[in-house]
Amino acid sequence: NIDDNNAIYANLSILFFLSAVLQNIVIGVLFLFLLNYMYSQLKKYKFQKNHFQLEAFTDSLTGLFNRRIMEKILPKLIREYQDKTTPISIIAIDANDFKIINDTYGHETGDKALMHIANNISHLSRKSDIGLRLGGDEFCIVLPDCPLDKATKMAHRLSIAINQSRFCEHNVHTGITTGCIEITKNESLKEALKRADNILYQNKKNKKITEQFKKYQ
């Protein structure tokens, strides 16, 4: 009613309401489809981004981390543990007689030797440990919340597992030499790794002296 004398009367069919409802449903479905598409594209982008980031920090042969993680991630992690005065250790690892394996059996067998070492590192490490291939036949493991005595035991178990097993059809075995240190307060990753390397090479030197002594007995 507009006033006492005038009124508006509309006769709307059910089809009018159905058409309006249908339009709203179609718009709603299209909107949901668009949101779902945008969400799936975002997930795909994040997955690709994470994949490429992981690939950038991963050694393609062994699947361990590579040197890039030492520049981007590990220094921050080590500082956090140093601030909390929680022990964090490093095991430096070097393959024994790797050049002889390469020269005798070829680079494919040499790659299998490296993969054999890396697989044992992955298998015997804790979930929190970080295994790296530094390059060539050099590896290391960073062990958060781990004092020196436990790191030394870990290195011993790793040496036994690698030294006593064969890894290819030629019935070849490889061995490793290790050097263990516990990172000191305010010591950088570079300094700690250099100290672990020095211990490793001293152990390698002592091993050669022992082998020569046994040979001439």
N, C-alpha and C. Protein backbone atom coordinates (compact mmCIF):
# COMPACT_ATOMS: atom_id res chain seq x y z
N ASN A 1 0.84 -1.19 0.00
CA ASN A 1 0.00 0.00 0.00
C ASN A 1 0.88 1.25 0.00
N ILE A 2 0.57 2.15 -0.95
CA ILE A 2 1.27 3.43 -1.00
C ILE A 2 0.57 4.44 -0.09
N ASP A 3 -0.77 4.54 -0.25
CA ASP A 3 -1.59 5.36 0.65
C ASP A 3 -2.98 4.75 0.66
N ASP A 4 -3.99 5.48 1.14
CA ASP A 4 -5.34 4.92 1.25
C ASP A 4 -5.94 4.62 -0.11
N ASN A 5 -5.50 5.30 -1.16
CA ASN A 5 -6.13 5.15 -2.47
C ASN A 5 -5.29 4.38 -3.48
N ASN A 6 -4.01 4.19 -3.18
CA ASN A 6 -3.13 3.57 -4.17
C ASN A 6 -2.36 2.38 -3.56
N ALA A 7 -2.22 1.36 -4.40
CA ALA A 7 -1.46 0.18 -3.98
C ALA A 7 -0.80 -0.43 -5.21
N ILE A 8 0.27 -1.19 -4.99
CA ILE A 8 0.95 -1.89 -6.09
C ILE A 8 0.75 -3.38 -5.88
N TYR A 9 0.35 -4.05 -6.93
CA TYR A 9 0.14 -5.49 -6.87
C TYR A 9 1.03 -6.16 -7.92
N ALA A 10 1.84 -7.13 -7.49
CA ALA A 10 2.73 -7.84 -8.41
C ALA A 10 2.45 -9.33 -8.34
N ASN A 11 2.32 -9.91 -9.48
CA ASN A 11 2.06 -11.35 -9.57
C ASN A 11 3.35 -12.00 -10.09
N LEU A 12 4.18 -12.53 -9.16
CA LEU A 12 5.47 -13.12 -9.53
C LEU A 12 5.33 -14.64 -9.57
N SER A 13 5.78 -15.22 -10.67
CA SER A 13 5.67 -16.67 -10.82
C SER A 13 6.81 -17.37 -10.05
N ILE A 14 6.60 -18.64 -9.79
CA ILE A 14 7.63 -19.44 -9.10
C ILE A 14 8.91 -19.52 -9.91
N LEU A 15 8.80 -19.43 -11.25
CA LEU A 15 9.98 -19.49 -12.11
C LEU A 15 10.91 -18.31 -11.86
N PHE A 16 10.34 -17.16 -11.47
CA PHE A 16 11.16 -15.99 -11.19
C PHE A 16 12.09 -16.27 -10.00
N PHE A 17 11.49 -16.84 -8.94
CA PHE A 17 12.29 -17.16 -7.75
C PHE A 17 13.32 -18.26 -8.03
N LEU A 18 12.89 -19.28 -8.79
CA LEU A 18 13.81 -20.36 -9.14
C LEU A 18 14.98 -19.85 -9.96
N SER A 19 14.69 -18.95 -10.89
CA SER A 19 15.73 -18.38 -11.73
C SER A 19 16.73 -17.58 -10.89
N ALA A 20 16.20 -16.80 -9.95
CA ALA A 20 17.08 -16.01 -9.08
C ALA A 20 17.95 -16.91 -8.21
N VAL A 21 17.33 -17.96 -7.63
CA VAL A 21 18.08 -18.89 -6.79
C VAL A 21 19.15 -19.62 -7.60
N LEU A 22 18.78 -20.04 -8.83
CA LEU A 22 19.71 -20.75 -9.69
C LEU A 22 20.91 -19.87 -10.04
N GLN A 23 20.63 -18.60 -10.32
CA GLN A 23 21.72 -17.68 -10.64
C GLN A 23 22.69 -17.56 -9.46
N ASN A 24 22.12 -17.44 -8.25
CA ASN A 24 22.97 -17.34 -7.06
C ASN A 24 23.80 -18.61 -6.84
N ILE A 25 23.16 -19.76 -7.10
CA ILE A 25 23.88 -21.03 -6.95
C ILE A 25 25.04 -21.11 -7.94
N VAL A 26 24.77 -20.74 -9.20
CA VAL A 26 25.81 -20.78 -10.23
C VAL A 26 26.96 -19.85 -9.86
N ILE A 27 26.63 -18.64 -9.42
CA ILE A 27 27.66 -17.68 -9.02
C ILE A 27 28.47 -18.22 -7.85
N GLY A 28 27.76 -18.83 -6.87
CA GLY A 28 28.44 -19.40 -5.70
C GLY A 28 29.38 -20.54 -6.08
N VAL A 29 28.90 -21.42 -6.99
CA VAL A 29 29.73 -22.54 -7.44
C VAL A 29 30.96 -22.04 -8.18
N LEU A 30 30.77 -21.08 -9.07
CA LEU A 30 31.90 -20.51 -9.79
C LEU A 30 32.91 -19.85 -8.85
N PHE A 31 32.39 -19.17 -7.83
CA PHE A 31 33.26 -18.52 -6.85
C PHE A 31 34.07 -19.55 -6.06
N LEU A 32 33.39 -20.64 -5.64
CA LEU A 32 34.08 -21.71 -4.91
C LEU A 32 35.13 -22.40 -5.80
N PHE A 33 34.76 -22.60 -7.07
CA PHE A 33 35.70 -23.20 -8.02
C PHE A 33 36.94 -22.32 -8.17
N LEU A 34 36.73 -21.00 -8.26
CA LEU A 34 37.83 -20.07 -8.40
C LEU A 34 38.73 -20.09 -7.16
N LEU A 35 38.09 -20.10 -5.97
CA LEU A 35 38.87 -20.17 -4.73
C LEU A 35 39.68 -21.46 -4.65
N ASN A 36 39.05 -22.57 -5.03
CA ASN A 36 39.73 -23.87 -4.99
C ASN A 36 40.91 -23.89 -5.97
N TYR A 37 40.71 -23.31 -7.14
CA TYR A 37 41.77 -23.25 -8.14
C TYR A 37 42.95 -22.41 -7.63
N MET A 38 42.62 -21.26 -7.04
CA MET A 38 43.66 -20.39 -6.51
C MET A 38 44.43 -21.08 -5.38
N TYR A 39 43.69 -21.82 -4.52
CA TYR A 39 44.33 -22.54 -3.40
C TYR A 39 45.25 -23.64 -3.92
N SER A 40 44.78 -24.38 -4.95
CA SER A 40 45.60 -25.46 -5.50
C SER A 40 46.85 -24.92 -6.16
N GLN A 41 46.74 -23.76 -6.84
CA GLN A 41 47.89 -23.14 -7.47
C GLN A 41 48.89 -22.66 -6.42
N LEU A 42 48.36 -22.14 -5.30
CA LEU A 42 49.22 -21.68 -4.22
C LEU A 42 49.98 -22.84 -3.59
N LYS A 43 49.27 -23.97 -3.37
CA LYS A 43 49.91 -25.17 -2.82
C LYS A 43 50.99 -25.68 -3.78
N LYS A 44 50.65 -25.67 -5.08
CA LYS A 44 51.61 -26.12 -6.08
C LYS A 44 52.84 -25.23 -6.08
N TYR A 45 52.64 -23.93 -5.98
CA TYR A 45 53.76 -22.99 -5.96
C TYR A 45 54.64 -23.21 -4.73
N LYS A 46 53.98 -23.38 -3.56
CA LYS A 46 54.74 -23.61 -2.32
C LYS A 46 55.52 -24.91 -2.40
N PHE A 47 54.88 -25.96 -2.97
CA PHE A 47 55.56 -27.25 -3.10
C PHE A 47 56.78 -27.12 -4.00
N GLN A 48 56.60 -26.45 -5.14
CA GLN A 48 57.72 -26.27 -6.07
C GLN A 48 58.83 -25.44 -5.44
N LYS A 49 58.44 -24.42 -4.68
CA LYS A 49 59.42 -23.57 -4.02
C LYS A 49 60.23 -24.38 -3.00
N ASN A 50 59.49 -25.16 -2.16
CA ASN A 50 60.17 -25.99 -1.17
C ASN A 50 61.03 -27.05 -1.84
N HIS A 51 60.53 -27.62 -2.95
CA HIS A 51 61.27 -28.65 -3.66
C HIS A 51 62.58 -28.09 -4.21
N PHE A 52 62.49 -26.91 -4.83
CA PHE A 52 63.69 -26.30 -5.40
C PHE A 52 64.68 -25.87 -4.31
N GLN A 53 64.13 -25.39 -3.17
CA GLN A 53 65.00 -25.02 -2.07
C GLN A 53 65.72 -26.25 -1.52
N LEU A 54 64.96 -27.35 -1.35
CA LEU A 54 65.56 -28.58 -0.85
C LEU A 54 66.59 -29.11 -1.84
N GLU A 55 66.25 -29.02 -3.13
CA GLU A 55 67.16 -29.49 -4.18
C GLU A 55 68.46 -28.68 -4.17
N ALA A 56 68.34 -27.40 -3.89
CA ALA A 56 69.52 -26.54 -3.86
C ALA A 56 70.45 -26.90 -2.71
N PHE A 57 69.90 -27.46 -1.62
CA PHE A 57 70.70 -27.81 -0.46
C PHE A 57 71.06 -29.30 -0.42
N THR A 58 70.72 -30.05 -1.48
CA THR A 58 70.90 -31.51 -1.46
C THR A 58 71.94 -31.94 -2.49
N ASP A 59 72.82 -32.86 -2.07
CA ASP A 59 73.78 -33.45 -2.99
C ASP A 59 73.07 -34.46 -3.88
N SER A 60 73.19 -34.31 -5.18
CA SER A 60 72.41 -35.12 -6.12
C SER A 60 72.80 -36.59 -6.10
N LEU A 61 74.04 -36.92 -5.77
CA LEU A 61 74.49 -38.31 -5.78
C LEU A 61 74.05 -39.06 -4.53
N THR A 62 74.29 -38.47 -3.37
CA THR A 62 74.10 -39.20 -2.11
C THR A 62 72.79 -38.91 -1.41
N GLY A 63 72.14 -37.78 -1.75
CA GLY A 63 70.92 -37.40 -1.06
C GLY A 63 71.16 -36.70 0.27
N LEU A 64 72.43 -36.57 0.68
CA LEU A 64 72.74 -35.80 1.88
C LEU A 64 72.73 -34.31 1.55
N PHE A 65 72.80 -33.48 2.58
CA PHE A 65 72.91 -32.05 2.35
C PHE A 65 74.28 -31.72 1.75
N ASN A 66 74.35 -30.57 1.07
CA ASN A 66 75.62 -30.13 0.51
C ASN A 66 76.16 -28.92 1.25
N ARG A 67 77.23 -28.34 0.73
CA ARG A 67 77.90 -27.24 1.43
C ARG A 67 77.05 -25.99 1.60
N ARG A 68 76.04 -25.81 0.74
CA ARG A 68 75.24 -24.59 0.82
C ARG A 68 74.55 -24.43 2.16
N ILE A 69 74.19 -25.58 2.77
CA ILE A 69 73.50 -25.51 4.06
C ILE A 69 74.42 -24.95 5.14
N MET A 70 75.73 -25.06 4.93
CA MET A 70 76.69 -24.53 5.90
C MET A 70 76.70 -23.01 5.90
N GLU A 71 76.30 -22.42 4.79
CA GLU A 71 76.29 -20.97 4.69
C GLU A 71 74.95 -20.37 5.12
N LYS A 72 73.86 -21.10 4.86
CA LYS A 72 72.53 -20.53 5.05
C LYS A 72 71.84 -20.93 6.35
N ILE A 73 72.02 -22.17 6.81
CA ILE A 73 71.21 -22.70 7.89
C ILE A 73 72.01 -23.07 9.13
N LEU A 74 73.09 -23.83 8.96
CA LEU A 74 73.82 -24.38 10.10
C LEU A 74 74.40 -23.33 11.05
N PRO A 75 74.98 -22.23 10.58
CA PRO A 75 75.51 -21.24 11.53
C PRO A 75 74.46 -20.74 12.53
N LYS A 76 73.24 -20.50 12.03
CA LYS A 76 72.17 -20.04 12.92
C LYS A 76 71.80 -21.13 13.92
N LEU A 77 71.72 -22.38 13.46
CA LEU A 77 71.39 -23.49 14.35
C LEU A 77 72.44 -23.64 15.44
N ILE A 78 73.70 -23.54 15.07
CA ILE A 78 74.79 -23.69 16.04
C ILE A 78 74.75 -22.56 17.07
N ARG A 79 74.48 -21.34 16.63
CA ARG A 79 74.39 -20.21 17.57
C ARG A 79 73.26 -20.43 18.58
N GLU A 80 72.14 -20.98 18.11
CA GLU A 80 71.02 -21.23 19.02
C GLU A 80 71.41 -22.22 20.11
N TYR A 81 72.14 -23.28 19.73
CA TYR A 81 72.57 -24.26 20.73
C TYR A 81 73.64 -23.68 21.65
N GLN A 82 74.51 -22.83 21.11
CA GLN A 82 75.52 -22.20 21.95
C GLN A 82 74.88 -21.26 22.96
N ASP A 83 73.84 -20.54 22.54
CA ASP A 83 73.14 -19.63 23.45
C ASP A 83 72.46 -20.39 24.59
N LYS A 84 71.99 -21.60 24.28
CA LYS A 84 71.32 -22.42 25.30
C LYS A 84 72.32 -23.29 26.07
N THR A 85 73.62 -23.15 25.77
CA THR A 85 74.69 -23.97 26.35
C THR A 85 74.39 -25.46 26.23
N THR A 86 73.77 -25.84 25.11
CA THR A 86 73.50 -27.24 24.81
C THR A 86 74.62 -27.78 23.92
N PRO A 87 75.19 -28.94 24.26
CA PRO A 87 76.33 -29.45 23.47
C PRO A 87 75.93 -29.78 22.03
N ILE A 88 76.81 -29.46 21.11
CA ILE A 88 76.61 -29.80 19.70
C ILE A 88 77.97 -30.23 19.15
N SER A 89 78.01 -31.39 18.50
CA SER A 89 79.27 -31.99 18.06
C SER A 89 79.31 -32.15 16.55
N ILE A 90 80.50 -32.38 16.04
CA ILE A 90 80.72 -32.61 14.61
C ILE A 90 81.59 -33.85 14.44
N ILE A 91 81.21 -34.69 13.48
CA ILE A 91 82.05 -35.81 13.05
C ILE A 91 82.51 -35.52 11.63
N ALA A 92 83.80 -35.31 11.44
CA ALA A 92 84.37 -35.17 10.10
C ALA A 92 84.70 -36.57 9.58
N ILE A 93 84.38 -36.83 8.31
CA ILE A 93 84.52 -38.18 7.74
C ILE A 93 85.25 -38.10 6.41
N ASP A 94 86.20 -39.01 6.23
CA ASP A 94 86.94 -39.08 4.96
C ASP A 94 87.06 -40.54 4.54
N ALA A 95 86.76 -40.83 3.28
CA ALA A 95 86.83 -42.21 2.79
C ALA A 95 88.29 -42.64 2.64
N ASN A 96 88.56 -43.89 2.97
CA ASN A 96 89.92 -44.43 2.85
C ASN A 96 90.14 -45.01 1.45
N ASP A 97 91.28 -44.71 0.87
CA ASP A 97 91.70 -45.31 -0.41
C ASP A 97 90.66 -45.13 -1.51
N PHE A 98 89.97 -43.99 -1.50
CA PHE A 98 88.92 -43.76 -2.50
C PHE A 98 89.51 -43.67 -3.91
N LYS A 99 90.67 -43.05 -4.04
CA LYS A 99 91.31 -42.91 -5.36
C LYS A 99 91.66 -44.30 -5.93
N ILE A 100 92.09 -45.22 -5.07
CA ILE A 100 92.42 -46.57 -5.53
C ILE A 100 91.19 -47.27 -6.08
N ILE A 101 90.04 -47.10 -5.41
CA ILE A 101 88.78 -47.71 -5.89
C ILE A 101 88.41 -47.13 -7.25
N ASN A 102 88.52 -45.80 -7.38
CA ASN A 102 88.21 -45.15 -8.65
C ASN A 102 89.12 -45.64 -9.77
N ASP A 103 90.41 -45.68 -9.49
CA ASP A 103 91.39 -46.06 -10.51
C ASP A 103 91.29 -47.53 -10.88
N THR A 104 90.93 -48.38 -9.92
CA THR A 104 90.89 -49.82 -10.15
C THR A 104 89.58 -50.27 -10.79
N TYR A 105 88.47 -49.75 -10.32
CA TYR A 105 87.16 -50.25 -10.74
C TYR A 105 86.34 -49.23 -11.54
N GLY A 106 86.80 -48.00 -11.61
CA GLY A 106 86.08 -46.99 -12.38
C GLY A 106 85.24 -46.08 -11.50
N HIS A 107 84.82 -44.96 -12.11
CA HIS A 107 84.08 -43.93 -11.36
C HIS A 107 82.69 -44.40 -10.93
N GLU A 108 82.08 -45.29 -11.69
CA GLU A 108 80.76 -45.79 -11.30
C GLU A 108 80.83 -46.54 -9.97
N THR A 109 81.86 -47.37 -9.81
CA THR A 109 82.06 -48.07 -8.55
C THR A 109 82.44 -47.08 -7.45
N GLY A 110 83.23 -46.06 -7.82
CA GLY A 110 83.56 -45.01 -6.86
C GLY A 110 82.32 -44.30 -6.35
N ASP A 111 81.37 -44.03 -7.26
CA ASP A 111 80.10 -43.41 -6.84
C ASP A 111 79.32 -44.33 -5.90
N LYS A 112 79.37 -45.64 -6.17
CA LYS A 112 78.68 -46.60 -5.29
C LYS A 112 79.30 -46.61 -3.90
N ALA A 113 80.63 -46.43 -3.86
CA ALA A 113 81.31 -46.35 -2.56
C ALA A 113 80.83 -45.13 -1.77
N LEU A 114 80.70 -44.00 -2.45
CA LEU A 114 80.22 -42.78 -1.79
C LEU A 114 78.77 -42.95 -1.32
N MET A 115 77.95 -43.57 -2.14
CA MET A 115 76.55 -43.82 -1.76
C MET A 115 76.47 -44.78 -0.58
N HIS A 116 77.38 -45.76 -0.55
CA HIS A 116 77.42 -46.71 0.56
C HIS A 116 77.72 -45.99 1.87
N ILE A 117 78.67 -45.08 1.84
CA ILE A 117 79.00 -44.29 3.03
C ILE A 117 77.82 -43.42 3.44
N ALA A 118 77.22 -42.75 2.44
CA ALA A 118 76.09 -41.85 2.72
C ALA A 118 74.89 -42.61 3.29
N ASN A 119 74.62 -43.80 2.75
CA ASN A 119 73.50 -44.60 3.24
C ASN A 119 73.69 -44.99 4.70
N ASN A 120 74.90 -45.33 5.06
CA ASN A 120 75.19 -45.68 6.45
C ASN A 120 75.07 -44.46 7.36
N ILE A 121 75.50 -43.31 6.87
CA ILE A 121 75.34 -42.07 7.64
C ILE A 121 73.86 -41.81 7.91
N SER A 122 73.03 -41.94 6.88
CA SER A 122 71.59 -41.71 7.03
C SER A 122 70.96 -42.74 7.96
N HIS A 123 71.38 -44.00 7.82
CA HIS A 123 70.77 -45.09 8.59
C HIS A 123 71.12 -45.01 10.07
N LEU A 124 72.35 -44.65 10.39
CA LEU A 124 72.80 -44.68 11.78
C LEU A 124 72.60 -43.34 12.51
N SER A 125 72.26 -42.30 11.77
CA SER A 125 72.06 -40.99 12.40
C SER A 125 70.69 -40.89 13.05
N ARG A 126 70.59 -40.01 14.04
CA ARG A 126 69.30 -39.68 14.63
C ARG A 126 68.54 -38.74 13.68
N LYS A 127 67.25 -38.57 13.93
CA LYS A 127 66.46 -37.67 13.09
C LYS A 127 66.96 -36.24 13.17
N SER A 128 67.50 -35.87 14.32
CA SER A 128 67.96 -34.49 14.51
C SER A 128 69.35 -34.25 13.92
N ASP A 129 70.08 -35.32 13.60
CA ASP A 129 71.43 -35.17 13.05
C ASP A 129 71.39 -34.70 11.60
N ILE A 130 72.42 -33.99 11.19
CA ILE A 130 72.48 -33.42 9.84
C ILE A 130 73.71 -33.95 9.13
N GLY A 131 73.48 -34.82 8.14
CA GLY A 131 74.58 -35.39 7.37
C GLY A 131 74.85 -34.57 6.12
N LEU A 132 76.13 -34.32 5.85
CA LEU A 132 76.52 -33.51 4.69
C LEU A 132 77.60 -34.21 3.88
N ARG A 133 77.52 -34.03 2.58
CA ARG A 133 78.66 -34.36 1.73
C ARG A 133 79.34 -33.04 1.39
N LEU A 134 80.57 -32.88 1.85
CA LEU A 134 81.28 -31.62 1.67
C LEU A 134 81.88 -31.50 0.29
N GLY A 135 82.05 -32.64 -0.39
CA GLY A 135 82.65 -32.65 -1.72
C GLY A 135 83.60 -33.82 -1.85
N GLY A 136 83.69 -34.41 -3.04
CA GLY A 136 84.57 -35.55 -3.24
C GLY A 136 84.21 -36.68 -2.30
N ASP A 137 85.21 -37.15 -1.53
CA ASP A 137 84.97 -38.25 -0.58
C ASP A 137 84.96 -37.74 0.86
N GLU A 138 84.63 -36.44 1.04
CA GLU A 138 84.59 -35.85 2.37
C GLU A 138 83.15 -35.63 2.82
N PHE A 139 82.87 -36.06 4.05
CA PHE A 139 81.53 -35.93 4.64
C PHE A 139 81.67 -35.36 6.04
N CYS A 140 80.53 -34.96 6.61
CA CYS A 140 80.52 -34.65 8.03
C CYS A 140 79.09 -34.80 8.55
N ILE A 141 78.99 -34.96 9.86
CA ILE A 141 77.68 -35.02 10.52
C ILE A 141 77.67 -34.00 11.63
N VAL A 142 76.64 -33.17 11.67
CA VAL A 142 76.44 -32.23 12.77
C VAL A 142 75.41 -32.86 13.71
N LEU A 143 75.78 -32.98 14.98
CA LEU A 143 74.94 -33.68 15.95
C LEU A 143 74.47 -32.72 17.05
N PRO A 144 73.27 -32.16 16.92
CA PRO A 144 72.75 -31.28 17.97
C PRO A 144 72.46 -32.06 19.25
N ASP A 145 72.59 -31.37 20.37
CA ASP A 145 72.30 -31.97 21.69
C ASP A 145 73.07 -33.28 21.87
N CYS A 146 74.36 -33.21 21.58
CA CYS A 146 75.20 -34.41 21.63
C CYS A 146 76.60 -34.04 22.11
N PRO A 147 77.02 -34.51 23.29
CA PRO A 147 78.37 -34.25 23.77
C PRO A 147 79.40 -35.08 23.02
N LEU A 148 80.66 -34.79 23.26
CA LEU A 148 81.75 -35.41 22.52
C LEU A 148 81.79 -36.93 22.69
N ASP A 149 81.55 -37.43 23.90
CA ASP A 149 81.65 -38.88 24.11
C ASP A 149 80.63 -39.65 23.29
N LYS A 150 79.42 -39.11 23.17
CA LYS A 150 78.39 -39.77 22.37
C LYS A 150 78.71 -39.67 20.87
N ALA A 151 79.27 -38.55 20.46
CA ALA A 151 79.66 -38.39 19.05
C ALA A 151 80.77 -39.38 18.70
N THR A 152 81.69 -39.58 19.62
CA THR A 152 82.79 -40.53 19.38
C THR A 152 82.26 -41.95 19.23
N LYS A 153 81.28 -42.32 20.05
CA LYS A 153 80.67 -43.65 19.95
C LYS A 153 79.94 -43.81 18.62
N MET A 154 79.26 -42.75 18.21
CA MET A 154 78.56 -42.76 16.93
C MET A 154 79.55 -42.96 15.78
N ALA A 155 80.67 -42.26 15.82
CA ALA A 155 81.69 -42.38 14.78
C ALA A 155 82.26 -43.80 14.75
N HIS A 156 82.43 -44.40 15.91
CA HIS A 156 82.96 -45.77 15.98
C HIS A 156 81.97 -46.76 15.35
N ARG A 157 80.69 -46.63 15.67
CA ARG A 157 79.66 -47.51 15.09
C ARG A 157 79.62 -47.34 13.57
N LEU A 158 79.73 -46.11 13.12
CA LEU A 158 79.68 -45.83 11.68
C LEU A 158 80.88 -46.46 10.97
N SER A 159 82.05 -46.34 11.57
CA SER A 159 83.26 -46.92 10.98
C SER A 159 83.14 -48.44 10.85
N ILE A 160 82.64 -49.08 11.88
CA ILE A 160 82.48 -50.54 11.86
C ILE A 160 81.48 -50.95 10.77
N ALA A 161 80.35 -50.25 10.70
CA ALA A 161 79.31 -50.59 9.72
C ALA A 161 79.82 -50.46 8.29
N ILE A 162 80.58 -49.43 8.03
CA ILE A 162 81.09 -49.19 6.66
C ILE A 162 82.27 -50.11 6.34
N ASN A 163 83.17 -50.25 7.28
CA ASN A 163 84.39 -51.02 7.03
C ASN A 163 84.12 -52.51 6.84
N GLN A 164 83.09 -53.03 7.50
CA GLN A 164 82.88 -54.48 7.49
C GLN A 164 81.86 -54.94 6.45
N SER A 165 81.41 -54.07 5.57
CA SER A 165 80.39 -54.47 4.59
C SER A 165 80.86 -54.21 3.17
N ARG A 166 80.36 -55.01 2.23
CA ARG A 166 80.66 -54.85 0.81
C ARG A 166 79.51 -54.06 0.17
N PHE A 167 79.81 -53.40 -0.95
CA PHE A 167 78.78 -52.52 -1.51
C PHE A 167 78.55 -52.69 -3.00
N CYS A 168 79.28 -53.58 -3.68
CA CYS A 168 79.07 -53.72 -5.12
C CYS A 168 79.42 -55.12 -5.59
N GLU A 169 79.18 -55.36 -6.87
CA GLU A 169 79.35 -56.69 -7.44
C GLU A 169 80.81 -57.15 -7.46
N HIS A 170 81.75 -56.24 -7.32
CA HIS A 170 83.17 -56.59 -7.30
C HIS A 170 83.63 -57.07 -5.93
N ASN A 171 82.70 -57.13 -4.98
CA ASN A 171 83.02 -57.56 -3.62
C ASN A 171 84.06 -56.63 -2.97
N VAL A 172 83.92 -55.35 -3.30
CA VAL A 172 84.84 -54.34 -2.78
C VAL A 172 84.30 -53.81 -1.46
N HIS A 173 85.16 -53.43 -0.58
CA HIS A 173 84.72 -52.73 0.61
C HIS A 173 85.52 -51.44 0.74
N THR A 174 84.91 -50.46 1.37
CA THR A 174 85.59 -49.20 1.61
C THR A 174 85.59 -48.94 3.11
N GLY A 175 86.43 -48.04 3.54
CA GLY A 175 86.51 -47.68 4.94
C GLY A 175 86.51 -46.18 5.10
N ILE A 176 86.39 -45.74 6.33
CA ILE A 176 86.42 -44.30 6.61
C ILE A 176 87.33 -44.02 7.79
N THR A 177 87.80 -42.79 7.85
CA THR A 177 88.49 -42.27 9.03
C THR A 177 87.68 -41.07 9.52
N THR A 178 87.58 -40.92 10.82
CA THR A 178 86.75 -39.85 11.38
C THR A 178 87.55 -38.98 12.33
N GLY A 179 87.00 -37.79 12.54
CA GLY A 179 87.54 -36.87 13.55
C GLY A 179 86.38 -36.22 14.27
N CYS A 180 86.33 -36.34 15.58
CA CYS A 180 85.18 -35.85 16.36
C CYS A 180 85.58 -34.67 17.25
N ILE A 181 84.72 -33.67 17.28
CA ILE A 181 84.93 -32.54 18.21
C ILE A 181 83.57 -32.08 18.74
N GLU A 182 83.61 -31.44 19.90
CA GLU A 182 82.42 -30.74 20.41
C GLU A 182 82.66 -29.26 20.22
N ILE A 183 81.72 -28.57 19.60
CA ILE A 183 81.89 -27.15 19.31
C ILE A 183 81.93 -26.37 20.62
N THR A 184 82.93 -25.52 20.75
CA THR A 184 83.08 -24.74 21.97
C THR A 184 82.27 -23.44 21.88
N LYS A 185 82.12 -22.78 23.00
CA LYS A 185 81.35 -21.54 23.05
C LYS A 185 82.01 -20.48 22.17
N ASN A 186 81.21 -19.82 21.36
CA ASN A 186 81.65 -18.75 20.45
C ASN A 186 82.52 -19.25 19.30
N GLU A 187 82.64 -20.57 19.13
CA GLU A 187 83.40 -21.11 18.00
C GLU A 187 82.50 -21.16 16.77
N SER A 188 83.00 -20.69 15.64
CA SER A 188 82.22 -20.71 14.41
C SER A 188 82.23 -22.10 13.79
N LEU A 189 81.29 -22.34 12.88
CA LEU A 189 81.21 -23.63 12.20
C LEU A 189 82.49 -23.89 11.41
N LYS A 190 83.01 -22.87 10.75
CA LYS A 190 84.24 -23.02 9.96
C LYS A 190 85.41 -23.42 10.84
N GLU A 191 85.53 -22.77 12.00
CA GLU A 191 86.61 -23.09 12.93
C GLU A 191 86.46 -24.50 13.49
N ALA A 192 85.22 -24.87 13.82
CA ALA A 192 84.97 -26.20 14.38
C ALA A 192 85.28 -27.29 13.37
N LEU A 193 84.87 -27.07 12.12
CA LEU A 193 85.12 -28.07 11.09
C LEU A 193 86.61 -28.22 10.79
N LYS A 194 87.34 -27.11 10.85
CA LYS A 194 88.79 -27.16 10.64
C LYS A 194 89.44 -27.97 11.76
N ARG A 195 88.97 -27.78 12.98
CA ARG A 195 89.51 -28.52 14.12
C ARG A 195 89.21 -30.02 13.98
N ALA A 196 87.98 -30.34 13.53
CA ALA A 196 87.62 -31.74 13.32
C ALA A 196 88.46 -32.36 12.21
N ASP A 197 88.72 -31.59 11.15
CA ASP A 197 89.57 -32.07 10.04
C ASP A 197 90.99 -32.37 10.51
N ASN A 198 91.53 -31.53 11.37
CA ASN A 198 92.88 -31.74 11.88
C ASN A 198 92.96 -33.05 12.66
N ILE A 199 91.94 -33.32 13.46
CA ILE A 199 91.90 -34.58 14.22
C ILE A 199 91.77 -35.76 13.25
N LEU A 200 90.92 -35.59 12.24
CA LEU A 200 90.72 -36.65 11.24
C LEU A 200 92.06 -37.01 10.56
N TYR A 201 92.77 -36.01 10.09
CA TYR A 201 94.01 -36.29 9.36
C TYR A 201 95.10 -36.85 10.29
N GLN A 202 95.06 -36.47 11.55
CA GLN A 202 95.98 -37.07 12.50
C GLN A 202 95.63 -38.54 12.72
N ASN A 203 94.33 -38.83 12.80
CA ASN A 203 93.89 -40.23 12.93
C ASN A 203 94.27 -41.04 11.69
N LYS A 204 94.14 -40.43 10.53
CA LYS A 204 94.50 -41.11 9.27
C LYS A 204 96.01 -41.40 9.23
N LYS A 205 96.79 -40.46 9.71
CA LYS A 205 98.24 -40.63 9.75
C LYS A 205 98.61 -41.75 10.73
N ASN A 206 97.96 -41.75 11.89
CA ASN A 206 98.23 -42.79 12.89
C ASN A 206 97.83 -44.17 12.36
N LYS A 207 96.73 -44.22 11.58
CA LYS A 207 96.26 -45.49 11.02
C LYS A 207 97.28 -46.04 10.03
N LYS A 208 97.87 -45.18 9.21
CA LYS A 208 98.87 -45.62 8.24
C LYS A 208 100.13 -46.14 8.95
N ILE A 209 100.50 -45.45 10.03
CA ILE A 209 101.68 -45.89 10.79
C ILE A 209 101.43 -47.27 11.40
N THR A 210 100.20 -47.46 11.92
CA THR A 210 99.84 -48.75 12.53
C THR A 210 99.84 -49.86 11.48
N GLU A 211 99.29 -49.56 10.29
CA GLU A 211 99.25 -50.56 9.22
C GLU A 211 100.65 -50.94 8.76
N GLN A 212 101.53 -49.95 8.66
CA GLN A 212 102.91 -50.23 8.26
C GLN A 212 103.63 -51.06 9.32
N PHE A 213 103.35 -50.77 10.58
CA PHE A 213 103.97 -51.51 11.68
C PHE A 213 103.55 -52.97 11.63
N LYS A 214 102.24 -53.20 11.40
CA LYS A 214 101.73 -54.58 11.31
C LYS A 214 102.34 -55.31 10.11
N LYS A 215 102.55 -54.56 9.02
CA LYS A 215 103.07 -55.16 7.80
C LYS A 215 104.49 -55.69 7.99
N TYR A 216 105.27 -54.96 8.78
CA TYR A 216 106.68 -55.34 8.93
C TYR A 216 106.94 -56.19 10.18
N GLN A 217 105.88 -56.56 10.88
CA GLN A 217 106.04 -57.45 12.04
C GLN A 217 106.39 -58.86 11.60
